Amino acid sequence: MHASLSLRVSRPTLWRRQMDEEIRRKILTLLDQHRIMTIATLRPDGWPQATTVGYANEGLTLYFLCGPDSQKAANLARDDRVSLTIDHDTPQVMEITGLSMAARAQVVADRTEAEKALRLLMLKYPQQPSVPLPMPTPGDVRIFRVTPMVISVLDYSKGFAHTDLVNCQGRFP
């Protein structure tokens, strides 16, 4: 016996010319609910490299860190374009929500911003009773600021594969 899956098909993807308050709140809620993202950078041979990293956000600006000699850091030194996803597993298909973004990732060179990014990252992981290493300093790691250019907000509760696309260029405070 086969279980039947009834899916309400969403309207076509909707481009929003401006980020209205409703979609901004939805994006910020999803960013604040999560702390892990998959980020894809471009390898020297042109193949994408997807990796999982922890992130913190201040509004729509995201921060992550990696080793200064990592493949990810080398990829971003050549090309700052990234794609990323933020989501979680859910038992019901029609409860799927998440974000995907086309963004630019730039090294945080300012020490004050770097220290702020590290504090934000540590706030995402408040209960770490036995971290085996000392807290990294801005000199120990490469810290990146991610600025979204296009955000895709996935919300199956509005219909199967429903996506709202937001063009963020020129829309950041």
N, C-alpha and C. Protein backbone atom coordinates (compact mmCIF):
# COMPACT_ATOMS: atom_id res chain seq x y z
N MET A 1 0.84 -1.17 0.00
CA MET A 1 0.00 0.00 0.00
C MET A 1 0.89 1.24 0.00
N HIS A 2 0.61 2.16 -0.89
CA HIS A 2 1.39 3.38 -1.02
C HIS A 2 0.69 4.53 -0.31
N ALA A 3 1.46 5.26 0.47
CA ALA A 3 0.90 6.46 1.10
C ALA A 3 0.80 7.55 0.05
N SER A 4 -0.27 8.27 0.07
CA SER A 4 -0.41 9.34 -0.91
C SER A 4 0.04 10.64 -0.28
N LEU A 5 0.72 11.44 -1.05
CA LEU A 5 1.23 12.71 -0.60
C LEU A 5 0.53 13.79 -1.39
N SER A 6 -0.25 14.58 -0.71
CA SER A 6 -0.98 15.66 -1.36
C SER A 6 -0.19 16.94 -1.18
N LEU A 7 0.25 17.52 -2.28
CA LEU A 7 1.06 18.73 -2.21
C LEU A 7 0.34 19.89 -2.89
N ARG A 8 0.30 21.00 -2.19
CA ARG A 8 -0.23 22.22 -2.79
C ARG A 8 0.94 22.88 -3.49
N VAL A 9 0.81 23.08 -4.79
CA VAL A 9 1.89 23.66 -5.56
C VAL A 9 1.86 25.17 -5.40
N SER A 10 3.02 25.74 -5.14
CA SER A 10 3.13 27.17 -4.91
C SER A 10 3.01 27.95 -6.21
N ARG A 11 2.69 29.21 -6.07
CA ARG A 11 2.74 30.09 -7.23
C ARG A 11 4.19 30.23 -7.66
N PRO A 12 4.45 30.73 -8.83
CA PRO A 12 5.84 30.88 -9.27
C PRO A 12 6.64 31.76 -8.30
N THR A 13 7.94 31.58 -8.34
CA THR A 13 8.82 32.38 -7.51
C THR A 13 8.51 33.86 -7.71
N LEU A 14 8.50 34.61 -6.62
CA LEU A 14 8.13 36.02 -6.64
C LEU A 14 9.38 36.87 -6.38
N TRP A 15 9.72 37.72 -7.34
CA TRP A 15 10.80 38.67 -7.12
C TRP A 15 10.23 39.88 -6.42
N ARG A 16 10.83 40.26 -5.34
CA ARG A 16 10.44 41.47 -4.63
C ARG A 16 11.46 42.54 -4.97
N ARG A 17 11.01 43.65 -5.44
CA ARG A 17 11.94 44.73 -5.78
C ARG A 17 12.57 45.33 -4.52
N GLN A 18 11.80 45.38 -3.45
CA GLN A 18 12.29 45.91 -2.19
C GLN A 18 12.05 44.90 -1.09
N MET A 19 12.87 45.00 -0.08
CA MET A 19 12.68 44.13 1.07
C MET A 19 11.67 44.80 1.99
N ASP A 20 10.44 44.30 2.00
CA ASP A 20 9.45 44.88 2.91
C ASP A 20 9.66 44.34 4.32
N GLU A 21 8.97 44.92 5.27
CA GLU A 21 9.19 44.58 6.68
C GLU A 21 8.83 43.13 6.98
N GLU A 22 7.79 42.59 6.35
CA GLU A 22 7.38 41.21 6.61
C GLU A 22 8.48 40.22 6.20
N ILE A 23 9.03 40.37 5.00
CA ILE A 23 10.05 39.43 4.54
C ILE A 23 11.35 39.65 5.31
N ARG A 24 11.66 40.88 5.68
CA ARG A 24 12.86 41.16 6.48
C ARG A 24 12.77 40.45 7.83
N ARG A 25 11.60 40.53 8.49
CA ARG A 25 11.41 39.84 9.77
C ARG A 25 11.56 38.34 9.61
N LYS A 26 11.02 37.78 8.53
CA LYS A 26 11.13 36.33 8.27
C LYS A 26 12.60 35.94 8.12
N ILE A 27 13.36 36.71 7.35
CA ILE A 27 14.78 36.43 7.14
C ILE A 27 15.54 36.51 8.47
N LEU A 28 15.32 37.58 9.22
CA LEU A 28 16.02 37.75 10.50
C LEU A 28 15.66 36.65 11.49
N THR A 29 14.39 36.23 11.51
CA THR A 29 13.98 35.14 12.39
C THR A 29 14.73 33.87 12.03
N LEU A 30 14.80 33.54 10.75
CA LEU A 30 15.51 32.33 10.32
C LEU A 30 17.00 32.43 10.65
N LEU A 31 17.60 33.59 10.42
CA LEU A 31 19.02 33.77 10.76
C LEU A 31 19.26 33.59 12.25
N ASP A 32 18.38 34.16 13.06
CA ASP A 32 18.56 34.10 14.51
C ASP A 32 18.28 32.70 15.08
N GLN A 33 17.46 31.89 14.40
CA GLN A 33 17.12 30.55 14.89
C GLN A 33 18.22 29.54 14.65
N HIS A 34 19.14 29.83 13.77
CA HIS A 34 20.16 28.86 13.37
C HIS A 34 21.55 29.39 13.65
N ARG A 35 22.53 28.49 13.55
CA ARG A 35 23.91 28.91 13.74
C ARG A 35 24.89 28.16 12.85
N ILE A 36 24.38 27.33 11.97
CA ILE A 36 25.22 26.59 11.03
C ILE A 36 24.72 26.84 9.62
N MET A 37 25.65 27.04 8.71
CA MET A 37 25.29 27.21 7.30
C MET A 37 26.24 26.39 6.44
N THR A 38 25.76 26.08 5.26
CA THR A 38 26.62 25.47 4.24
C THR A 38 26.97 26.58 3.27
N ILE A 39 28.27 26.77 3.07
CA ILE A 39 28.72 27.84 2.19
C ILE A 39 29.54 27.24 1.06
N ALA A 40 29.28 27.70 -0.15
CA ALA A 40 30.00 27.21 -1.32
C ALA A 40 30.89 28.32 -1.86
N THR A 41 32.16 27.98 -2.01
CA THR A 41 33.14 28.88 -2.61
C THR A 41 33.60 28.24 -3.92
N LEU A 42 34.39 28.98 -4.70
CA LEU A 42 34.86 28.44 -5.98
C LEU A 42 36.33 28.05 -5.89
N ARG A 43 36.59 26.78 -6.19
CA ARG A 43 37.97 26.27 -6.19
C ARG A 43 38.71 26.81 -7.41
N PRO A 44 40.04 26.71 -7.43
CA PRO A 44 40.81 27.21 -8.58
C PRO A 44 40.44 26.53 -9.90
N ASP A 45 39.98 25.27 -9.82
CA ASP A 45 39.62 24.55 -11.04
C ASP A 45 38.19 24.86 -11.48
N GLY A 46 37.48 25.76 -10.76
CA GLY A 46 36.12 26.15 -11.12
C GLY A 46 35.03 25.36 -10.45
N TRP A 47 35.39 24.26 -9.81
CA TRP A 47 34.37 23.46 -9.11
C TRP A 47 33.97 24.15 -7.81
N PRO A 48 32.68 24.11 -7.47
CA PRO A 48 32.28 24.66 -6.18
C PRO A 48 32.73 23.75 -5.05
N GLN A 49 33.04 24.36 -3.92
CA GLN A 49 33.40 23.62 -2.71
C GLN A 49 32.42 24.03 -1.63
N ALA A 50 31.59 23.11 -1.19
CA ALA A 50 30.61 23.39 -0.14
C ALA A 50 31.13 22.87 1.19
N THR A 51 31.09 23.73 2.20
CA THR A 51 31.52 23.35 3.55
C THR A 51 30.51 23.88 4.57
N THR A 52 30.50 23.24 5.71
CA THR A 52 29.63 23.64 6.80
C THR A 52 30.43 24.48 7.78
N VAL A 53 29.88 25.62 8.15
CA VAL A 53 30.55 26.50 9.12
C VAL A 53 29.52 27.06 10.09
N GLY A 54 29.98 27.42 11.27
CA GLY A 54 29.15 28.16 12.20
C GLY A 54 29.12 29.61 11.76
N TYR A 55 28.03 30.30 12.06
CA TYR A 55 27.94 31.71 11.71
C TYR A 55 27.23 32.46 12.82
N ALA A 56 27.40 33.76 12.80
CA ALA A 56 26.63 34.69 13.64
C ALA A 56 26.22 35.82 12.72
N ASN A 57 25.16 36.47 13.10
CA ASN A 57 24.70 37.59 12.28
C ASN A 57 24.41 38.80 13.13
N GLU A 58 24.59 39.94 12.51
CA GLU A 58 24.15 41.22 13.06
C GLU A 58 23.26 41.80 11.97
N GLY A 59 21.96 41.68 12.18
CA GLY A 59 21.03 42.04 11.11
C GLY A 59 21.22 41.06 9.96
N LEU A 60 21.35 41.60 8.77
CA LEU A 60 21.52 40.77 7.58
C LEU A 60 22.98 40.48 7.25
N THR A 61 23.89 41.00 8.03
CA THR A 61 25.31 40.74 7.83
C THR A 61 25.69 39.50 8.62
N LEU A 62 26.34 38.54 7.95
CA LEU A 62 26.76 37.30 8.58
C LEU A 62 28.27 37.30 8.74
N TYR A 63 28.74 36.59 9.77
CA TYR A 63 30.17 36.41 10.01
C TYR A 63 30.45 34.93 10.20
N PHE A 64 31.58 34.48 9.65
CA PHE A 64 32.08 33.14 9.93
C PHE A 64 33.59 33.21 9.95
N LEU A 65 34.20 32.17 10.48
CA LEU A 65 35.66 32.15 10.50
C LEU A 65 36.16 30.81 10.00
N CYS A 66 37.41 30.81 9.61
CA CYS A 66 38.07 29.58 9.16
C CYS A 66 39.57 29.74 9.39
N GLY A 67 40.29 28.68 9.16
CA GLY A 67 41.74 28.74 9.29
C GLY A 67 42.33 29.64 8.21
N PRO A 68 43.35 30.41 8.55
CA PRO A 68 43.94 31.33 7.57
C PRO A 68 44.55 30.62 6.36
N ASP A 69 44.94 29.36 6.53
CA ASP A 69 45.54 28.60 5.43
C ASP A 69 44.58 27.57 4.84
N SER A 70 43.29 27.71 5.13
CA SER A 70 42.31 26.73 4.64
C SER A 70 42.03 26.92 3.15
N GLN A 71 41.50 25.86 2.54
CA GLN A 71 41.10 25.93 1.14
C GLN A 71 40.03 27.00 0.95
N LYS A 72 39.11 27.12 1.91
CA LYS A 72 38.03 28.11 1.83
C LYS A 72 38.62 29.53 1.79
N ALA A 73 39.59 29.82 2.65
CA ALA A 73 40.22 31.15 2.67
C ALA A 73 40.94 31.42 1.36
N ALA A 74 41.62 30.41 0.83
CA ALA A 74 42.31 30.57 -0.46
C ALA A 74 41.31 30.82 -1.58
N ASN A 75 40.21 30.07 -1.58
CA ASN A 75 39.18 30.27 -2.60
C ASN A 75 38.64 31.70 -2.55
N LEU A 76 38.35 32.19 -1.34
CA LEU A 76 37.77 33.52 -1.19
C LEU A 76 38.77 34.62 -1.50
N ALA A 77 40.05 34.37 -1.36
CA ALA A 77 41.06 35.36 -1.73
C ALA A 77 41.05 35.59 -3.24
N ARG A 78 40.70 34.55 -3.99
CA ARG A 78 40.63 34.66 -5.46
C ARG A 78 39.29 35.21 -5.95
N ASP A 79 38.20 34.80 -5.28
CA ASP A 79 36.86 35.15 -5.75
C ASP A 79 35.95 35.24 -4.52
N ASP A 80 35.41 36.41 -4.26
CA ASP A 80 34.63 36.60 -3.03
C ASP A 80 33.17 36.20 -3.16
N ARG A 81 32.76 35.68 -4.30
CA ARG A 81 31.37 35.24 -4.48
C ARG A 81 31.13 33.91 -3.78
N VAL A 82 30.01 33.85 -3.05
CA VAL A 82 29.61 32.62 -2.36
C VAL A 82 28.13 32.38 -2.56
N SER A 83 27.75 31.14 -2.40
CA SER A 83 26.35 30.77 -2.24
C SER A 83 26.27 30.05 -0.91
N LEU A 84 25.15 30.24 -0.22
CA LEU A 84 25.03 29.58 1.08
C LEU A 84 23.58 29.18 1.33
N THR A 85 23.42 28.22 2.22
CA THR A 85 22.10 27.81 2.66
C THR A 85 22.07 27.73 4.18
N ILE A 86 20.91 28.04 4.73
CA ILE A 86 20.65 27.92 6.15
C ILE A 86 19.29 27.26 6.28
N ASP A 87 19.25 26.12 6.94
CA ASP A 87 17.99 25.39 7.07
C ASP A 87 18.12 24.35 8.17
N HIS A 88 17.11 23.52 8.30
CA HIS A 88 17.14 22.44 9.28
C HIS A 88 16.24 21.32 8.79
N ASP A 89 16.42 20.16 9.37
CA ASP A 89 15.60 19.01 9.02
C ASP A 89 14.25 19.13 9.72
N THR A 90 13.21 18.65 9.05
CA THR A 90 11.88 18.66 9.64
C THR A 90 11.17 17.37 9.25
N PRO A 91 10.35 16.81 10.13
CA PRO A 91 9.68 15.55 9.80
C PRO A 91 8.59 15.70 8.73
N GLN A 92 8.03 16.87 8.57
CA GLN A 92 6.96 17.10 7.61
C GLN A 92 7.47 17.95 6.45
N VAL A 93 7.30 17.45 5.24
CA VAL A 93 7.80 18.15 4.07
C VAL A 93 7.22 19.56 3.95
N MET A 94 5.97 19.75 4.32
CA MET A 94 5.34 21.06 4.17
C MET A 94 5.74 22.04 5.28
N GLU A 95 6.66 21.63 6.16
CA GLU A 95 7.19 22.52 7.20
C GLU A 95 8.59 23.02 6.85
N ILE A 96 9.09 22.67 5.67
CA ILE A 96 10.45 23.08 5.30
C ILE A 96 10.50 24.59 5.15
N THR A 97 11.50 25.19 5.82
CA THR A 97 11.80 26.61 5.67
C THR A 97 13.30 26.74 5.60
N GLY A 98 13.77 27.81 5.01
CA GLY A 98 15.20 28.04 4.97
C GLY A 98 15.54 29.24 4.13
N LEU A 99 16.82 29.51 4.08
CA LEU A 99 17.34 30.62 3.30
C LEU A 99 18.44 30.11 2.39
N SER A 100 18.52 30.67 1.22
CA SER A 100 19.72 30.53 0.41
C SER A 100 20.09 31.91 -0.08
N MET A 101 21.37 32.13 -0.26
CA MET A 101 21.83 33.46 -0.62
C MET A 101 22.94 33.40 -1.65
N ALA A 102 22.94 34.39 -2.50
CA ALA A 102 24.11 34.73 -3.30
C ALA A 102 24.70 35.93 -2.58
N ALA A 103 25.99 35.87 -2.26
CA ALA A 103 26.57 36.89 -1.40
C ALA A 103 28.04 37.13 -1.75
N ARG A 104 28.59 38.13 -1.12
CA ARG A 104 30.02 38.43 -1.19
C ARG A 104 30.60 38.22 0.20
N ALA A 105 31.75 37.57 0.28
CA ALA A 105 32.42 37.32 1.56
C ALA A 105 33.78 38.02 1.54
N GLN A 106 33.96 38.94 2.46
CA GLN A 106 35.20 39.71 2.51
C GLN A 106 35.87 39.55 3.86
N VAL A 107 37.18 39.53 3.84
CA VAL A 107 37.96 39.42 5.07
C VAL A 107 37.69 40.64 5.94
N VAL A 108 37.47 40.41 7.21
CA VAL A 108 37.33 41.51 8.17
C VAL A 108 38.73 41.91 8.59
N ALA A 109 39.15 43.09 8.17
CA ALA A 109 40.50 43.56 8.47
C ALA A 109 40.53 44.46 9.71
N ASP A 110 39.43 45.13 9.99
CA ASP A 110 39.35 46.04 11.13
C ASP A 110 39.30 45.24 12.43
N ARG A 111 40.23 45.52 13.33
CA ARG A 111 40.32 44.74 14.58
C ARG A 111 39.05 44.86 15.42
N THR A 112 38.46 46.04 15.49
CA THR A 112 37.24 46.23 16.28
C THR A 112 36.10 45.38 15.72
N GLU A 113 35.94 45.39 14.40
CA GLU A 113 34.88 44.56 13.79
C GLU A 113 35.19 43.07 13.98
N ALA A 114 36.46 42.70 13.88
CA ALA A 114 36.85 41.30 14.07
C ALA A 114 36.52 40.83 15.49
N GLU A 115 36.83 41.64 16.47
CA GLU A 115 36.52 41.28 17.86
C GLU A 115 35.01 41.18 18.07
N LYS A 116 34.26 42.10 17.46
CA LYS A 116 32.79 42.05 17.55
C LYS A 116 32.28 40.75 16.92
N ALA A 117 32.81 40.38 15.76
CA ALA A 117 32.39 39.14 15.09
C ALA A 117 32.66 37.93 15.97
N LEU A 118 33.82 37.88 16.62
CA LEU A 118 34.13 36.76 17.51
C LEU A 118 33.18 36.72 18.69
N ARG A 119 32.84 37.87 19.25
CA ARG A 119 31.87 37.91 20.36
C ARG A 119 30.51 37.40 19.90
N LEU A 120 30.07 37.85 18.71
CA LEU A 120 28.78 37.39 18.19
C LEU A 120 28.79 35.87 17.99
N LEU A 121 29.89 35.33 17.46
CA LEU A 121 29.99 33.89 17.25
C LEU A 121 29.94 33.14 18.58
N MET A 122 30.61 33.64 19.60
CA MET A 122 30.60 32.97 20.90
C MET A 122 29.20 33.05 21.53
N LEU A 123 28.45 34.12 21.29
CA LEU A 123 27.08 34.22 21.81
C LEU A 123 26.16 33.17 21.19
N LYS A 124 26.47 32.73 19.97
CA LYS A 124 25.67 31.68 19.34
C LYS A 124 25.91 30.32 19.99
N TYR A 125 27.02 30.19 20.69
CA TYR A 125 27.39 28.94 21.35
C TYR A 125 27.67 29.21 22.83
N PRO A 126 26.64 29.62 23.59
CA PRO A 126 26.88 30.06 24.96
C PRO A 126 27.27 28.96 25.94
N GLN A 127 26.87 27.73 25.68
CA GLN A 127 27.09 26.68 26.66
C GLN A 127 28.17 25.72 26.18
N GLN A 128 29.40 26.13 26.32
CA GLN A 128 30.54 25.32 25.93
C GLN A 128 31.40 25.06 27.17
N PRO A 129 31.00 24.10 28.00
CA PRO A 129 31.69 23.91 29.28
C PRO A 129 33.15 23.46 29.14
N SER A 130 33.46 22.74 28.09
CA SER A 130 34.83 22.23 28.02
C SER A 130 35.39 22.36 26.60
N VAL A 131 35.57 23.58 26.18
CA VAL A 131 36.21 23.81 24.89
C VAL A 131 37.70 23.56 25.10
N PRO A 132 38.29 22.64 24.33
CA PRO A 132 39.68 22.25 24.58
C PRO A 132 40.71 23.32 24.19
N LEU A 133 40.30 24.30 23.40
CA LEU A 133 41.24 25.33 22.95
C LEU A 133 40.85 26.68 23.52
N PRO A 134 41.81 27.58 23.65
CA PRO A 134 41.45 28.93 24.09
C PRO A 134 40.66 29.65 22.99
N MET A 135 39.94 30.66 23.39
CA MET A 135 39.18 31.48 22.45
C MET A 135 40.14 32.03 21.40
N PRO A 136 39.81 31.87 20.11
CA PRO A 136 40.73 32.39 19.08
C PRO A 136 40.75 33.92 19.11
N THR A 137 41.84 34.45 18.67
CA THR A 137 41.97 35.91 18.52
C THR A 137 41.86 36.21 17.03
N PRO A 138 41.61 37.46 16.67
CA PRO A 138 41.55 37.80 15.25
C PRO A 138 42.82 37.42 14.48
N GLY A 139 43.96 37.35 15.16
CA GLY A 139 45.19 36.95 14.49
C GLY A 139 45.30 35.45 14.24
N ASP A 140 44.51 34.65 14.96
CA ASP A 140 44.57 33.20 14.84
C ASP A 140 43.74 32.64 13.69
N VAL A 141 42.74 33.39 13.27
CA VAL A 141 41.77 32.89 12.29
C VAL A 141 41.54 33.93 11.21
N ARG A 142 40.89 33.51 10.16
CA ARG A 142 40.44 34.43 9.12
C ARG A 142 38.94 34.62 9.35
N ILE A 143 38.51 35.85 9.56
CA ILE A 143 37.11 36.17 9.80
C ILE A 143 36.55 36.82 8.55
N PHE A 144 35.38 36.33 8.13
CA PHE A 144 34.74 36.86 6.92
C PHE A 144 33.40 37.51 7.26
N ARG A 145 33.14 38.62 6.58
CA ARG A 145 31.84 39.28 6.61
C ARG A 145 31.12 38.91 5.33
N VAL A 146 29.90 38.39 5.46
CA VAL A 146 29.11 37.97 4.31
C VAL A 146 27.99 38.99 4.10
N THR A 147 27.96 39.57 2.91
CA THR A 147 26.95 40.56 2.55
C THR A 147 26.05 39.97 1.47
N PRO A 148 24.81 39.67 1.80
CA PRO A 148 23.89 39.08 0.80
C PRO A 148 23.60 40.04 -0.35
N MET A 149 23.53 39.50 -1.55
CA MET A 149 23.12 40.25 -2.74
C MET A 149 21.69 39.86 -3.12
N VAL A 150 21.41 38.57 -3.05
CA VAL A 150 20.07 38.03 -3.32
C VAL A 150 19.78 36.99 -2.23
N ILE A 151 18.61 37.08 -1.64
CA ILE A 151 18.19 36.10 -0.63
C ILE A 151 16.94 35.41 -1.14
N SER A 152 16.97 34.08 -1.08
CA SER A 152 15.81 33.27 -1.43
C SER A 152 15.25 32.71 -0.13
N VAL A 153 13.98 33.04 0.15
CA VAL A 153 13.32 32.60 1.38
C VAL A 153 12.40 31.45 1.01
N LEU A 154 12.75 30.26 1.46
CA LEU A 154 11.98 29.05 1.16
C LEU A 154 10.98 28.81 2.29
N ASP A 155 9.70 28.63 1.94
CA ASP A 155 8.66 28.41 2.94
C ASP A 155 7.57 27.53 2.34
N TYR A 156 7.69 26.22 2.58
CA TYR A 156 6.73 25.26 2.03
C TYR A 156 5.33 25.43 2.61
N SER A 157 5.19 26.09 3.77
CA SER A 157 3.85 26.27 4.34
C SER A 157 2.99 27.14 3.43
N LYS A 158 3.64 27.89 2.53
CA LYS A 158 2.90 28.72 1.56
C LYS A 158 2.65 27.98 0.25
N GLY A 159 3.10 26.74 0.17
CA GLY A 159 2.95 25.92 -1.03
C GLY A 159 4.23 25.18 -1.31
N PHE A 160 4.13 24.05 -1.98
CA PHE A 160 5.29 23.21 -2.27
C PHE A 160 6.36 24.03 -3.00
N ALA A 161 7.55 24.09 -2.40
CA ALA A 161 8.72 24.77 -2.97
C ALA A 161 8.52 26.27 -3.12
N HIS A 162 7.64 26.87 -2.31
CA HIS A 162 7.41 28.32 -2.40
C HIS A 162 8.69 29.07 -2.04
N THR A 163 9.06 30.01 -2.88
CA THR A 163 10.25 30.82 -2.67
C THR A 163 9.94 32.28 -2.95
N ASP A 164 10.38 33.15 -2.06
CA ASP A 164 10.37 34.59 -2.30
C ASP A 164 11.81 35.02 -2.50
N LEU A 165 12.08 35.70 -3.60
CA LEU A 165 13.42 36.19 -3.88
C LEU A 165 13.50 37.67 -3.58
N VAL A 166 14.55 38.06 -2.86
CA VAL A 166 14.75 39.44 -2.48
C VAL A 166 16.07 39.92 -3.03
N ASN A 167 16.04 40.96 -3.84
CA ASN A 167 17.24 41.57 -4.36
C ASN A 167 17.74 42.56 -3.30
N CYS A 168 18.90 42.31 -2.74
CA CYS A 168 19.40 43.11 -1.62
C CYS A 168 20.36 44.21 -2.04
N GLN A 169 20.74 44.28 -3.27
CA GLN A 169 21.72 45.26 -3.69
C GLN A 169 21.23 46.66 -3.39
N GLY A 170 22.03 47.39 -2.64
CA GLY A 170 21.68 48.75 -2.30
C GLY A 170 20.64 48.85 -1.19
N ARG A 171 20.33 47.74 -0.51
CA ARG A 171 19.27 47.73 0.50
C ARG A 171 19.82 47.51 1.90
N PHE A 172 21.12 47.65 2.11
CA PHE A 172 21.66 47.37 3.44
C PHE A 172 21.90 48.64 4.22
N PRO A 173 21.50 48.61 5.48
CA PRO A 173 21.74 49.78 6.33
C PRO A 173 23.21 49.95 6.64
